[in-house]
Amino acid sequence: MTTSIFNGTWRITWMSAWDQDYMDLEGLGHITFSSGRSGSLRFGAMQAQMDCRAGPQTTQRIEFTWHGFDEGDEISGRGHADIVNDELRGHLYFHLGDDSAFRATRIAAATRKNASFRGKRPPSDMP
C-alpha cells in the first residue's frame, strides 16, 4: 500500500504536550513518510522509525506504530495523522506513557537537507 499523499518530510509546528524549544532540541522536529510503509519521527531527544498504514483511498489518514530511543531509553508507541487544509494533524501515543496532539507542515527538500544540522557543525563537504 502506498502513502503517496503523505510522502515527504513534515515539520512539526505544534504539540499539545511540548513547546517548540523542546521539539527542536536536537534539530527540527519532523515526521517523514517514505515510499512503501516506512517512515521516521524526530522531536526533542527522541528518534524513531515508523511502520505506516495508509487509510482507504477515500480518506486522507495514515496510522503508524513507531519504535526508537529517547535519551538512550528504548521507547515505542503508535500514532495517526490526517491531512487537513494541507496541514498534517495527528496524535502520538507513547506505550504506557505520554501522548500529544501535533500539527505539521510539509517542508521542501532543500530545507530538509539542512534541518538535521541545526545547532551542530555541518559535514566538511557542506559550505
PDB file of N, CA and C in Angstrom:
ATOM      1  N   MET A   1       0.847  -1.185   0.000  1.00  0.00           N
ATOM      2  CA  MET A   1       0.000   0.000   0.000  1.00  0.00           C
ATOM      3  C   MET A   1       0.887   1.240   0.000  1.00  0.00           C
ATOM      4  N   THR A   2       0.569   2.197  -0.810  1.00  0.00           N
ATOM      5  CA  THR A   2       1.385   3.396  -0.909  1.00  0.00           C
ATOM      6  C   THR A   2       0.868   4.502   0.013  1.00  0.00           C
ATOM      7  N   THR A   3       1.747   5.369   0.421  1.00  0.00           N
ATOM      8  CA  THR A   3       1.361   6.510   1.248  1.00  0.00           C
ATOM      9  C   THR A   3       1.652   7.802   0.486  1.00  0.00           C
ATOM     10  N   SER A   4       1.447   7.800  -0.830  1.00  0.00           N
ATOM     11  CA  SER A   4       1.888   8.895  -1.695  1.00  0.00           C
ATOM     12  C   SER A   4       1.419  10.276  -1.265  1.00  0.00           C
ATOM     13  N   ILE A   5       0.202  10.432  -0.774  1.00  0.00           N
ATOM     14  CA  ILE A   5      -0.231  11.777  -0.381  1.00  0.00           C
ATOM     15  C   ILE A   5       0.497  12.262   0.864  1.00  0.00           C
ATOM     16  N   PHE A   6       1.118  11.355   1.608  1.00  0.00           N
ATOM     17  CA  PHE A   6       1.849  11.717   2.817  1.00  0.00           C
ATOM     18  C   PHE A   6       3.350  11.812   2.588  1.00  0.00           C
ATOM     19  N   ASN A   7       3.856  11.194   1.506  1.00  0.00           N
ATOM     20  CA  ASN A   7       5.300  11.110   1.284  1.00  0.00           C
ATOM     21  C   ASN A   7       5.988  12.455   1.432  1.00  0.00           C
ATOM     22  N   GLY A   8       7.130  12.441   2.109  1.00  0.00           N
ATOM     23  CA  GLY A   8       7.924  13.636   2.319  1.00  0.00           C
ATOM     24  C   GLY A   8       8.112  13.909   3.794  1.00  0.00           C
ATOM     25  N   THR A   9       8.747  15.019   4.068  1.00  0.00           N
ATOM     26  CA  THR A   9       9.029  15.409   5.448  1.00  0.00           C
ATOM     27  C   THR A   9       8.110  16.544   5.849  1.00  0.00           C
ATOM     28  N   TRP A  10       7.555  16.407   7.021  1.00  0.00           N
ATOM     29  CA  TRP A  10       6.624  17.386   7.575  1.00  0.00           C
ATOM     30  C   TRP A  10       7.247  17.974   8.840  1.00  0.00           C
ATOM     31  N   ARG A  11       7.356  19.279   8.912  1.00  0.00           N
ATOM     32  CA  ARG A  11       7.921  19.989  10.065  1.00  0.00           C
ATOM     33  C   ARG A  11       6.874  20.075  11.155  1.00  0.00           C
ATOM     34  N   ILE A  12       7.189  19.563  12.329  1.00  0.00           N
ATOM     35  CA  ILE A  12       6.248  19.645  13.449  1.00  0.00           C
ATOM     36  C   ILE A  12       6.238  21.091  13.941  1.00  0.00           C
ATOM     37  N   THR A  13       5.081  21.720  13.856  1.00  0.00           N
ATOM     38  CA  THR A  13       4.952  23.136  14.211  1.00  0.00           C
ATOM     39  C   THR A  13       4.263  23.358  15.552  1.00  0.00           C
ATOM     40  N   TRP A  14       3.593  22.330  16.070  1.00  0.00           N
ATOM     41  CA  TRP A  14       2.881  22.467  17.341  1.00  0.00           C
ATOM     42  C   TRP A  14       2.646  21.091  17.941  1.00  0.00           C
ATOM     43  N   MET A  15       2.803  20.994  19.255  1.00  0.00           N
ATOM     44  CA  MET A  15       2.452  19.782  20.001  1.00  0.00           C
ATOM     45  C   MET A  15       1.755  20.220  21.283  1.00  0.00           C
ATOM     46  N   SER A  16       0.739  19.488  21.678  1.00  0.00           N
ATOM     47  CA  SER A  16      -0.005  19.867  22.873  1.00  0.00           C
ATOM     48  C   SER A  16       0.787  19.630  24.156  1.00  0.00           C
ATOM     49  N   ALA A  17       1.744  18.715  24.147  1.00  0.00           N
ATOM     50  CA  ALA A  17       2.469  18.366  25.367  1.00  0.00           C
ATOM     51  C   ALA A  17       3.828  19.044  25.517  1.00  0.00           C
ATOM     52  N   TRP A  18       4.410  19.575  24.430  1.00  0.00           N
ATOM     53  CA  TRP A  18       5.752  20.151  24.494  1.00  0.00           C
ATOM     54  C   TRP A  18       5.816  21.453  23.720  1.00  0.00           C
ATOM     55  N   ASP A  19       6.723  22.346  24.142  1.00  0.00           N
ATOM     56  CA  ASP A  19       6.878  23.618  23.442  1.00  0.00           C
ATOM     57  C   ASP A  19       7.874  23.485  22.289  1.00  0.00           C
ATOM     58  N   GLN A  20       7.952  24.530  21.466  1.00  0.00           N
ATOM     59  CA  GLN A  20       8.790  24.491  20.265  1.00  0.00           C
ATOM     60  C   GLN A  20      10.272  24.314  20.594  1.00  0.00           C
ATOM     61  N   ASP A  21      10.750  24.926  21.669  1.00  0.00           N
ATOM     62  CA  ASP A  21      12.157  24.767  22.037  1.00  0.00           C
ATOM     63  C   ASP A  21      12.489  23.306  22.290  1.00  0.00           C
ATOM     64  N   TYR A  22      11.604  22.594  22.994  1.00  0.00           N
ATOM     65  CA  TYR A  22      11.858  21.169  23.229  1.00  0.00           C
ATOM     66  C   TYR A  22      11.740  20.377  21.926  1.00  0.00           C
ATOM     67  N   MET A  23      10.720  20.664  21.124  1.00  0.00           N
ATOM     68  CA  MET A  23      10.525  19.925  19.870  1.00  0.00           C
ATOM     69  C   MET A  23      11.761  20.012  18.977  1.00  0.00           C
ATOM     70  N   ASP A  24      12.457  21.153  18.988  1.00  0.00           N
ATOM     71  CA  ASP A  24      13.614  21.374  18.126  1.00  0.00           C
ATOM     72  C   ASP A  24      14.944  21.210  18.880  1.00  0.00           C
ATOM     73  N   LEU A  25      14.928  20.516  20.001  1.00  0.00           N
ATOM     74  CA  LEU A  25      16.099  20.365  20.861  1.00  0.00           C
ATOM     75  C   LEU A  25      17.332  19.839  20.116  1.00  0.00           C
ATOM     76  N   GLU A  26      17.172  18.827  19.290  1.00  0.00           N
ATOM     77  CA  GLU A  26      18.306  18.226  18.582  1.00  0.00           C
ATOM     78  C   GLU A  26      18.130  18.302  17.063  1.00  0.00           C
ATOM     79  N   GLY A  27      17.576  19.392  16.595  1.00  0.00           N
ATOM     80  CA  GLY A  27      17.292  19.576  15.177  1.00  0.00           C
ATOM     81  C   GLY A  27      15.807  19.805  15.004  1.00  0.00           C
ATOM     82  N   LEU A  28      15.403  20.167  13.808  1.00  0.00           N
ATOM     83  CA  LEU A  28      13.988  20.444  13.560  1.00  0.00           C
ATOM     84  C   LEU A  28      13.134  19.221  13.857  1.00  0.00           C
ATOM     85  N   GLY A  29      12.110  19.406  14.654  1.00  0.00           N
ATOM     86  CA  GLY A  29      11.170  18.322  14.898  1.00  0.00           C
ATOM     87  C   GLY A  29      10.433  18.007  13.606  1.00  0.00           C
ATOM     88  N   HIS A  30      10.381  16.731  13.234  1.00  0.00           N
ATOM     89  CA  HIS A  30       9.722  16.380  11.976  1.00  0.00           C
ATOM     90  C   HIS A  30       9.226  14.941  11.978  1.00  0.00           C
ATOM     91  N   ILE A  31       8.349  14.681  11.040  1.00  0.00           N
ATOM     92  CA  ILE A  31       7.852  13.343  10.775  1.00  0.00           C
ATOM     93  C   ILE A  31       7.999  13.133   9.264  1.00  0.00           C
ATOM     94  N   THR A  32       8.575  12.002   8.881  1.00  0.00           N
ATOM     95  CA  THR A  32       8.854  11.732   7.472  1.00  0.00           C
ATOM     96  C   THR A  32       8.190  10.436   7.050  1.00  0.00           C
ATOM     97  N   PHE A  33       7.472  10.491   5.956  1.00  0.00           N
ATOM     98  CA  PHE A  33       6.856   9.309   5.365  1.00  0.00           C
ATOM     99  C   PHE A  33       7.599   8.992   4.078  1.00  0.00           C
ATOM    100  N   SER A  34       8.121   7.782   3.986  1.00  0.00           N
ATOM    101  CA  SER A  34       8.870   7.338   2.809  1.00  0.00           C
ATOM    102  C   SER A  34       7.976   6.471   1.943  1.00  0.00           C
ATOM    103  N   SER A  35       8.490   6.082   0.769  1.00  0.00           N
ATOM    104  CA  SER A  35       7.710   5.199  -0.092  1.00  0.00           C
ATOM    105  C   SER A  35       7.511   3.860   0.611  1.00  0.00           C
ATOM    106  N   GLY A  36       6.482   3.163   0.238  1.00  0.00           N
ATOM    107  CA  GLY A  36       6.162   1.910   0.925  1.00  0.00           C
ATOM    108  C   GLY A  36       5.509   2.218   2.252  1.00  0.00           C
ATOM    109  N   ARG A  37       5.928   1.492   3.288  1.00  0.00           N
ATOM    110  CA  ARG A  37       5.289   1.646   4.601  1.00  0.00           C
ATOM    111  C   ARG A  37       6.231   2.189   5.665  1.00  0.00           C
ATOM    112  N   SER A  38       7.375   2.736   5.287  1.00  0.00           N
ATOM    113  CA  SER A  38       8.340   3.176   6.290  1.00  0.00           C
ATOM    114  C   SER A  38       8.277   4.679   6.519  1.00  0.00           C
ATOM    115  N   GLY A  39       8.888   5.093   7.625  1.00  0.00           N
ATOM    116  CA  GLY A  39       8.959   6.499   7.946  1.00  0.00           C
ATOM    117  C   GLY A  39       9.827   6.711   9.170  1.00  0.00           C
ATOM    118  N   SER A  40       9.964   7.971   9.574  1.00  0.00           N
ATOM    119  CA  SER A  40      10.743   8.281  10.769  1.00  0.00           C
ATOM    120  C   SER A  40      10.124   9.482  11.476  1.00  0.00           C
ATOM    121  N   LEU A  41      10.475   9.605  12.747  1.00  0.00           N
ATOM    122  CA  LEU A  41       9.906  10.628  13.614  1.00  0.00           C
ATOM    123  C   LEU A  41      11.029  11.154  14.493  1.00  0.00           C
ATOM    124  N   ARG A  42      11.090  12.475  14.646  1.00  0.00           N
ATOM    125  CA  ARG A  42      12.118  13.059  15.492  1.00  0.00           C
ATOM    126  C   ARG A  42      11.598  14.343  16.115  1.00  0.00           C
ATOM    127  N   PHE A  43      11.715  14.439  17.417  1.00  0.00           N
ATOM    128  CA  PHE A  43      11.486  15.688  18.131  1.00  0.00           C
ATOM    129  C   PHE A  43      12.108  15.545  19.514  1.00  0.00           C
ATOM    130  N   GLY A  44      12.474  16.671  20.104  1.00  0.00           N
ATOM    131  CA  GLY A  44      13.123  16.629  21.411  1.00  0.00           C
ATOM    132  C   GLY A  44      14.374  15.773  21.344  1.00  0.00           C
ATOM    133  N   ALA A  45      14.499  14.840  22.290  1.00  0.00           N
ATOM    134  CA  ALA A  45      15.643  13.933  22.319  1.00  0.00           C
ATOM    135  C   ALA A  45      15.279  12.558  21.773  1.00  0.00           C
ATOM    136  N   MET A  46      14.119  12.447  21.148  1.00  0.00           N
ATOM    137  CA  MET A  46      13.685  11.144  20.641  1.00  0.00           C
ATOM    138  C   MET A  46      13.825  11.047  19.145  1.00  0.00           C
ATOM    139  N   GLN A  47      14.179   9.832  18.710  1.00  0.00           N
ATOM    140  CA  GLN A  47      14.231   9.494  17.290  1.00  0.00           C
ATOM    141  C   GLN A  47      13.625   8.109  17.158  1.00  0.00           C
ATOM    142  N   ALA A  48      12.800   7.914  16.119  1.00  0.00           N
ATOM    143  CA  ALA A  48      12.122   6.632  15.960  1.00  0.00           C
ATOM    144  C   ALA A  48      11.902   6.306  14.485  1.00  0.00           C
ATOM    145  N   GLN A  49      11.766   5.033  14.209  1.00  0.00           N
ATOM    146  CA  GLN A  49      11.401   4.526  12.889  1.00  0.00           C
ATOM    147  C   GLN A  49       9.923   4.146  12.934  1.00  0.00           C
ATOM    148  N   MET A  50       9.228   4.319  11.819  1.00  0.00           N
ATOM    149  CA  MET A  50       7.791   4.053  11.791  1.00  0.00           C
ATOM    150  C   MET A  50       7.432   2.969  10.777  1.00  0.00           C
ATOM    151  N   ASP A  51       6.372   2.249  11.100  1.00  0.00           N
ATOM    152  CA  ASP A  51       5.717   1.301  10.196  1.00  0.00           C
ATOM    153  C   ASP A  51       4.339   1.897   9.951  1.00  0.00           C
ATOM    154  N   CYS A  52       4.066   2.308   8.711  1.00  0.00           N
ATOM    155  CA  CYS A  52       2.876   3.103   8.384  1.00  0.00           C
ATOM    156  C   CYS A  52       1.850   2.305   7.594  1.00  0.00           C
ATOM    157  N   ARG A  53       0.589   2.626   7.821  1.00  0.00           N
ATOM    158  CA  ARG A  53      -0.516   2.045   7.075  1.00  0.00           C
ATOM    159  C   ARG A  53      -1.467   3.168   6.673  1.00  0.00           C
ATOM    160  N   ALA A  54      -1.570   3.399   5.377  1.00  0.00           N
ATOM    161  CA  ALA A  54      -2.483   4.431   4.887  1.00  0.00           C
ATOM    162  C   ALA A  54      -3.914   3.931   4.988  1.00  0.00           C
ATOM    163  N   GLY A  55      -4.831   4.865   5.190  1.00  0.00           N
ATOM    164  CA  GLY A  55      -6.248   4.526   5.234  1.00  0.00           C
ATOM    165  C   GLY A  55      -6.770   4.237   3.846  1.00  0.00           C
ATOM    166  N   PRO A  56      -8.049   3.955   3.744  1.00  0.00           N
ATOM    167  CA  PRO A  56      -8.655   3.710   2.431  1.00  0.00           C
ATOM    168  C   PRO A  56      -8.423   4.884   1.489  1.00  0.00           C
ATOM    169  N   GLN A  57      -8.434   4.623   0.206  1.00  0.00           N
ATOM    170  CA  GLN A  57      -8.193   5.663  -0.806  1.00  0.00           C
ATOM    171  C   GLN A  57      -9.133   6.855  -0.650  1.00  0.00           C
ATOM    172  N   THR A  58     -10.282   6.660  -0.024  1.00  0.00           N
ATOM    173  CA  THR A  58     -11.259   7.736   0.118  1.00  0.00           C
ATOM    174  C   THR A  58     -10.951   8.647   1.308  1.00  0.00           C
ATOM    175  N   THR A  59      -9.921   8.319   2.104  1.00  0.00           N
ATOM    176  CA  THR A  59      -9.586   9.161   3.257  1.00  0.00           C
ATOM    177  C   THR A  59      -8.168   9.683   3.129  1.00  0.00           C
ATOM    178  N   GLN A  60      -7.864  10.698   3.894  1.00  0.00           N
ATOM    179  CA  GLN A  60      -6.514  11.248   3.939  1.00  0.00           C
ATOM    180  C   GLN A  60      -5.947  10.997   5.330  1.00  0.00           C
ATOM    181  N   ARG A  61      -5.960   9.734   5.765  1.00  0.00           N
ATOM    182  CA  ARG A  61      -5.485   9.337   7.088  1.00  0.00           C
ATOM    183  C   ARG A  61      -4.401   8.296   6.952  1.00  0.00           C
ATOM    184  N   ILE A  62      -3.441   8.384   7.862  1.00  0.00           N
ATOM    185  CA  ILE A  62      -2.403   7.370   7.962  1.00  0.00           C
ATOM    186  C   ILE A  62      -2.262   6.990   9.440  1.00  0.00           C
ATOM    187  N   GLU A  63      -2.058   5.717   9.680  1.00  0.00           N
ATOM    188  CA  GLU A  63      -1.825   5.219  11.032  1.00  0.00           C
ATOM    189  C   GLU A  63      -0.454   4.583  11.057  1.00  0.00           C
ATOM    190  N   PHE A  64       0.212   4.618  12.212  1.00  0.00           N
ATOM    191  CA  PHE A  64       1.557   4.079  12.280  1.00  0.00           C
ATOM    192  C   PHE A  64       1.898   3.637  13.695  1.00  0.00           C
ATOM    193  N   THR A  65       2.832   2.707  13.770  1.00  0.00           N
ATOM    194  CA  THR A  65       3.476   2.368  15.025  1.00  0.00           C
ATOM    195  C   THR A  65       4.898   2.878  14.910  1.00  0.00           C
ATOM    196  N   TRP A  66       5.554   3.097  16.026  1.00  0.00           N
ATOM    197  CA  TRP A  66       6.924   3.575  15.985  1.00  0.00           C
ATOM    198  C   TRP A  66       7.737   2.957  17.113  1.00  0.00           C
ATOM    199  N   HIS A  67       9.045   2.888  16.873  1.00  0.00           N
ATOM    200  CA  HIS A  67       9.992   2.323  17.833  1.00  0.00           C
ATOM    201  C   HIS A  67      11.287   3.096  17.726  1.00  0.00           C
ATOM    202  N   GLY A  68      11.858   3.500  18.854  1.00  0.00           N
ATOM    203  CA  GLY A  68      13.097   4.264  18.813  1.00  0.00           C
ATOM    204  C   GLY A  68      13.696   4.465  20.183  1.00  0.00           C
ATOM    205  N   PHE A  69      14.370   5.613  20.346  1.00  0.00           N
ATOM    206  CA  PHE A  69      15.080   5.909  21.583  1.00  0.00           C
ATOM    207  C   PHE A  69      14.860   7.363  21.985  1.00  0.00           C
ATOM    208  N   ASP A  70      14.797   7.591  23.300  1.00  0.00           N
ATOM    209  CA  ASP A  70      14.675   8.920  23.876  1.00  0.00           C
ATOM    210  C   ASP A  70      15.695   9.008  24.996  1.00  0.00           C
ATOM    211  N   GLU A  71      16.721   9.820  24.803  1.00  0.00           N
ATOM    212  CA  GLU A  71      17.819   9.946  25.767  1.00  0.00           C
ATOM    213  C   GLU A  71      18.399   8.580  26.133  1.00  0.00           C
ATOM    214  N   GLY A  72      18.528   7.696  25.139  1.00  0.00           N
ATOM    215  CA  GLY A  72      19.117   6.376  25.350  1.00  0.00           C
ATOM    216  C   GLY A  72      18.147   5.312  25.812  1.00  0.00           C
ATOM    217  N   ASP A  73      16.924   5.701  26.187  1.00  0.00           N
ATOM    218  CA  ASP A  73      15.919   4.731  26.627  1.00  0.00           C
ATOM    219  C   ASP A  73      15.104   4.260  25.435  1.00  0.00           C
ATOM    220  N   GLU A  74      14.885   2.958  25.357  1.00  0.00           N
ATOM    221  CA  GLU A  74      14.073   2.403  24.279  1.00  0.00           C
ATOM    222  C   GLU A  74      12.609   2.785  24.502  1.00  0.00           C
ATOM    223  N   ILE A  75      11.954   3.232  23.431  1.00  0.00           N
ATOM    224  CA  ILE A  75      10.562   3.661  23.508  1.00  0.00           C
ATOM    225  C   ILE A  75       9.805   3.137  22.298  1.00  0.00           C
ATOM    226  N   SER A  76       8.493   3.088  22.425  1.00  0.00           N
ATOM    227  CA  SER A  76       7.649   2.689  21.300  1.00  0.00           C
ATOM    228  C   SER A  76       6.280   3.312  21.488  1.00  0.00           C
ATOM    229  N   GLY A  77       5.495   3.248  20.428  1.00  0.00           N
ATOM    230  CA  GLY A  77       4.158   3.794  20.519  1.00  0.00           C
ATOM    231  C   GLY A  77       3.431   3.693  19.194  1.00  0.00           C
ATOM    232  N   ARG A  78       2.393   4.464  19.098  1.00  0.00           N
ATOM    233  CA  ARG A  78       1.565   4.462  17.900  1.00  0.00           C
ATOM    234  C   ARG A  78       1.112   5.893  17.629  1.00  0.00           C
ATOM    235  N   GLY A  79       0.518   6.092  16.462  1.00  0.00           N
ATOM    236  CA  GLY A  79       0.007   7.404  16.135  1.00  0.00           C
ATOM    237  C   GLY A  79      -0.853   7.369  14.891  1.00  0.00           C
ATOM    238  N   HIS A  80      -1.458   8.480  14.606  1.00  0.00           N
ATOM    239  CA  HIS A  80      -2.254   8.635  13.391  1.00  0.00           C
ATOM    240  C   HIS A  80      -2.202  10.089  12.967  1.00  0.00           C
ATOM    241  N   ALA A  81      -2.479  10.323  11.705  1.00  0.00           N
ATOM    242  CA  ALA A  81      -2.491  11.690  11.191  1.00  0.00           C
ATOM    243  C   ALA A  81      -3.444  11.785  10.007  1.00  0.00           C
ATOM    244  N   ASP A  82      -4.007  12.968   9.847  1.00  0.00           N
ATOM    245  CA  ASP A  82      -4.879  13.298   8.734  1.00  0.00           C
ATOM    246  C   ASP A  82      -4.330  14.552   8.066  1.00  0.00           C
ATOM    247  N   ILE A  83      -4.578  14.691   6.773  1.00  0.00           N
ATOM    248  CA  ILE A  83      -4.245  15.931   6.085  1.00  0.00           C
ATOM    249  C   ILE A  83      -5.501  16.793   6.068  1.00  0.00           C
ATOM    250  N   VAL A  84      -5.385  17.983   6.663  1.00  0.00           N
ATOM    251  CA  VAL A  84      -6.497  18.935   6.732  1.00  0.00           C
ATOM    252  C   VAL A  84      -5.979  20.274   6.224  1.00  0.00           C
ATOM    253  N   ASN A  85      -6.522  20.741   5.101  1.00  0.00           N
ATOM    254  CA  ASN A  85      -6.092  22.025   4.517  1.00  0.00           C
ATOM    255  C   ASN A  85      -4.567  22.089   4.363  1.00  0.00           C
ATOM    256  N   ASP A  86      -3.972  21.061   3.782  1.00  0.00           N
ATOM    257  CA  ASP A  86      -2.526  20.977   3.538  1.00  0.00           C
ATOM    258  C   ASP A  86      -1.687  20.928   4.809  1.00  0.00           C
ATOM    259  N   GLU A  87      -2.294  20.661   5.946  1.00  0.00           N
ATOM    260  CA  GLU A  87      -1.582  20.544   7.209  1.00  0.00           C
ATOM    261  C   GLU A  87      -1.779  19.128   7.740  1.00  0.00           C
ATOM    262  N   LEU A  88      -0.718  18.553   8.292  1.00  0.00           N
ATOM    263  CA  LEU A  88      -0.795  17.239   8.902  1.00  0.00           C
ATOM    264  C   LEU A  88      -1.228  17.432  10.348  1.00  0.00           C
ATOM    265  N   ARG A  89      -2.326  16.805  10.736  1.00  0.00           N
ATOM    266  CA  ARG A  89      -2.834  16.912  12.110  1.00  0.00           C
ATOM    267  C   ARG A  89      -2.995  15.502  12.657  1.00  0.00           C
ATOM    268  N   GLY A  90      -2.394  15.262  13.811  1.00  0.00           N
ATOM    269  CA  GLY A  90      -2.450  13.911  14.335  1.00  0.00           C
ATOM    270  C   GLY A  90      -2.230  13.833  15.824  1.00  0.00           C
ATOM    271  N   HIS A  91      -1.967  12.605  16.272  1.00  0.00           N
ATOM    272  CA  HIS A  91      -1.764  12.336  17.688  1.00  0.00           C
ATOM    273  C   HIS A  91      -0.731  11.232  17.829  1.00  0.00           C
ATOM    274  N   LEU A  92       0.195  11.410  18.773  1.00  0.00           N
ATOM    275  CA  LEU A  92       1.210  10.412  19.103  1.00  0.00           C
ATOM    276  C   LEU A  92       0.931   9.855  20.484  1.00  0.00           C
ATOM    277  N   TYR A  93       1.125   8.559  20.645  1.00  0.00           N
ATOM    278  CA  TYR A  93       0.934   7.882  21.926  1.00  0.00           C
ATOM    279  C   TYR A  93       2.192   7.092  22.261  1.00  0.00           C
ATOM    280  N   PHE A  94       2.815   7.389  23.418  1.00  0.00           N
ATOM    281  CA  PHE A  94       3.939   6.598  23.903  1.00  0.00           C
ATOM    282  C   PHE A  94       3.357   5.398  24.633  1.00  0.00           C
ATOM    283  N   HIS A  95       3.906   4.201  24.392  1.00  0.00           N
ATOM    284  CA  HIS A  95       3.427   2.996  25.065  1.00  0.00           C
ATOM    285  C   HIS A  95       3.549   3.180  26.581  1.00  0.00           C
ATOM    286  N   LEU A  96       2.427   3.075  27.273  1.00  0.00           N
ATOM    287  CA  LEU A  96       2.346   3.228  28.730  1.00  0.00           C
ATOM    288  C   LEU A  96       2.892   4.571  29.215  1.00  0.00           C
ATOM    289  N   GLY A  97       2.718   5.629  28.410  1.00  0.00           N
ATOM    290  CA  GLY A  97       3.269   6.922  28.799  1.00  0.00           C
ATOM    291  C   GLY A  97       2.493   8.091  28.248  1.00  0.00           C
ATOM    292  N   ASP A  98       3.226   9.147  27.923  1.00  0.00           N
ATOM    293  CA  ASP A  98       2.648  10.404  27.448  1.00  0.00           C
ATOM    294  C   ASP A  98       1.934  10.253  26.117  1.00  0.00           C
ATOM    295  N   ASP A  99       1.156  11.259  25.796  1.00  0.00           N
ATOM    296  CA  ASP A  99       0.574  11.374  24.462  1.00  0.00           C
ATOM    297  C   ASP A  99       0.482  12.857  24.125  1.00  0.00           C
ATOM    298  N   SER A 100       0.429  13.141  22.834  1.00  0.00           N
ATOM    299  CA  SER A 100       0.371  14.536  22.407  1.00  0.00           C
ATOM    300  C   SER A 100      -0.270  14.651  21.035  1.00  0.00           C
ATOM    301  N   ALA A 101      -1.135  15.631  20.906  1.00  0.00           N
ATOM    302  CA  ALA A 101      -1.624  16.011  19.579  1.00  0.00           C
ATOM    303  C   ALA A 101      -0.488  16.768  18.902  1.00  0.00           C
ATOM    304  N   PHE A 102      -0.470  16.778  17.569  1.00  0.00           N
ATOM    305  CA  PHE A 102       0.555  17.539  16.848  1.00  0.00           C
ATOM    306  C   PHE A 102      -0.005  18.084  15.553  1.00  0.00           C
ATOM    307  N   ARG A 103       0.686  19.104  15.044  1.00  0.00           N
ATOM    308  CA  ARG A 103       0.417  19.663  13.720  1.00  0.00           C
ATOM    309  C   ARG A 103       1.754  19.834  13.014  1.00  0.00           C
ATOM    310  N   ALA A 104       1.746  19.629  11.696  1.00  0.00           N
ATOM    311  CA  ALA A 104       2.984  19.732  10.925  1.00  0.00           C
ATOM    312  C   ALA A 104       2.677  20.239   9.525  1.00  0.00           C
ATOM    313  N   THR A 105       3.653  20.911   8.930  1.00  0.00           N
ATOM    314  CA  THR A 105       3.532  21.386   7.559  1.00  0.00           C
ATOM    315  C   THR A 105       4.639  20.761   6.716  1.00  0.00           C
ATOM    316  N   ARG A 106       4.313  20.479   5.470  1.00  0.00           N
ATOM    317  CA  ARG A 106       5.274  19.855   4.561  1.00  0.00           C
ATOM    318  C   ARG A 106       6.433  20.820   4.307  1.00  0.00           C
ATOM    319  N   ILE A 107       7.660  20.298   4.310  1.00  0.00           N
ATOM    320  CA  ILE A 107       8.816  21.148   4.033  1.00  0.00           C
ATOM    321  C   ILE A 107       9.500  20.696   2.750  1.00  0.00           C
ATOM    322  N   ALA A 108      10.166  21.637   2.104  1.00  0.00           N
ATOM    323  CA  ALA A 108      10.832  21.377   0.823  1.00  0.00           C
ATOM    324  C   ALA A 108      12.121  20.582   1.038  1.00  0.00           C
ATOM    325  N   ALA A 109      12.578  19.911  -0.001  1.00  0.00           N
ATOM    326  CA  ALA A 109      13.787  19.078   0.063  1.00  0.00           C
ATOM    327  C   ALA A 109      15.008  19.885   0.493  1.00  0.00           C
ATOM    328  N   ALA A 110      15.169  21.108   0.019  1.00  0.00           N
ATOM    329  CA  ALA A 110      16.335  21.921   0.382  1.00  0.00           C
ATOM    330  C   ALA A 110      16.347  22.217   1.872  1.00  0.00           C
ATOM    331  N   THR A 111      15.190  22.462   2.449  1.00  0.00           N
ATOM    332  CA  THR A 111      15.092  22.716   3.883  1.00  0.00           C
ATOM    333  C   THR A 111      15.440  21.457   4.656  1.00  0.00           C
ATOM    334  N   ARG A 112      14.949  20.293   4.198  1.00  0.00           N
ATOM    335  CA  ARG A 112      15.238  19.020   4.871  1.00  0.00           C
ATOM    336  C   ARG A 112      16.730  18.752   4.929  1.00  0.00           C
ATOM    337  N   LYS A 113      17.429  19.074   3.860  1.00  0.00           N
ATOM    338  CA  LYS A 113      18.865  18.806   3.790  1.00  0.00           C
ATOM    339  C   LYS A 113      19.601  19.513   4.924  1.00  0.00           C
ATOM    340  N   ASN A 114      19.193  20.720   5.269  1.00  0.00           N
ATOM    341  CA  ASN A 114      19.865  21.496   6.307  1.00  0.00           C
ATOM    342  C   ASN A 114      19.252  21.319   7.697  1.00  0.00           C
ATOM    343  N   ALA A 115      18.050  20.766   7.787  1.00  0.00           N
ATOM    344  CA  ALA A 115      17.327  20.677   9.057  1.00  0.00           C
ATOM    345  C   ALA A 115      18.060  19.868  10.108  1.00  0.00           C
ATOM    346  N   SER A 116      18.712  18.796   9.720  1.00  0.00           N
ATOM    347  CA  SER A 116      19.324  17.918  10.712  1.00  0.00           C
ATOM    348  C   SER A 116      20.612  18.489  11.290  1.00  0.00           C
ATOM    349  N   PHE A 117      21.100  19.623  10.776  1.00  0.00           N
ATOM    350  CA  PHE A 117      22.352  20.178  11.260  1.00  0.00           C
ATOM    351  C   PHE A 117      22.158  21.357  12.202  1.00  0.00           C
ATOM    352  N   ARG A 118      20.926  21.646  12.569  1.00  0.00           N
ATOM    353  CA  ARG A 118      20.677  22.784  13.447  1.00  0.00           C
ATOM    354  C   ARG A 118      21.437  22.612  14.763  1.00  0.00           C
ATOM    355  N   GLY A 119      22.207  23.603  15.121  1.00  0.00           N
ATOM    356  CA  GLY A 119      22.946  23.572  16.367  1.00  0.00           C
ATOM    357  C   GLY A 119      24.163  22.670  16.324  1.00  0.00           C
ATOM    358  N   LYS A 120      24.458  22.103  15.169  1.00  0.00           N
ATOM    359  CA  LYS A 120      25.610  21.224  15.025  1.00  0.00           C
ATOM    360  C   LYS A 120      26.456  21.730  13.880  1.00  0.00           C
ATOM    361  N   ARG A 121      27.672  21.309  13.858  1.00  0.00           N
ATOM    362  CA  ARG A 121      28.561  21.666  12.752  1.00  0.00           C
ATOM    363  C   ARG A 121      28.238  20.815  11.550  1.00  0.00           C
ATOM    364  N   PRO A 122      28.046  21.420  10.359  1.00  0.00           N
ATOM    365  CA  PRO A 122      27.743  20.623   9.165  1.00  0.00           C
ATOM    366  C   PRO A 122      28.942  19.800   8.752  1.00  0.00           C
ATOM    367  N   PRO A 123      28.726  18.715   8.006  1.00  0.00           N
ATOM    368  CA  PRO A 123      29.842  17.932   7.495  1.00  0.00           C
ATOM    369  C   PRO A 123      30.777  18.808   6.687  1.00  0.00           C
ATOM    370  N   SER A 124      32.040  18.404   6.564  1.00  0.00           N
ATOM    371  CA  SER A 124      33.039  19.226   5.895  1.00  0.00           C
ATOM    372  C   SER A 124      32.767  19.472   4.427  1.00  0.00           C
ATOM    373  N   ASP A 125      31.950  18.622   3.794  1.00  0.00           N
ATOM    374  CA  ASP A 125      31.659  18.821   2.368  1.00  0.00           C
ATOM    375  C   ASP A 125      30.529  19.819   2.134  1.00  0.00           C
ATOM    376  N   MET A 126      29.941  20.366   3.201  1.00  0.00           N
ATOM    377  CA  MET A 126      28.886  21.366   3.044  1.00  0.00           C
ATOM    378  C   MET A 126      29.488  22.748   3.268  1.00  0.00           C
ATOM    379  N   PRO A 127      29.005  23.749   2.539  1.00  0.00           N
ATOM    380  CA  PRO A 127      29.542  25.119   2.702  1.00  0.00           C
ATOM    381  C   PRO A 127      29.205  25.704   4.057  1.00  0.00           C
TER     382      PRO A 127
END
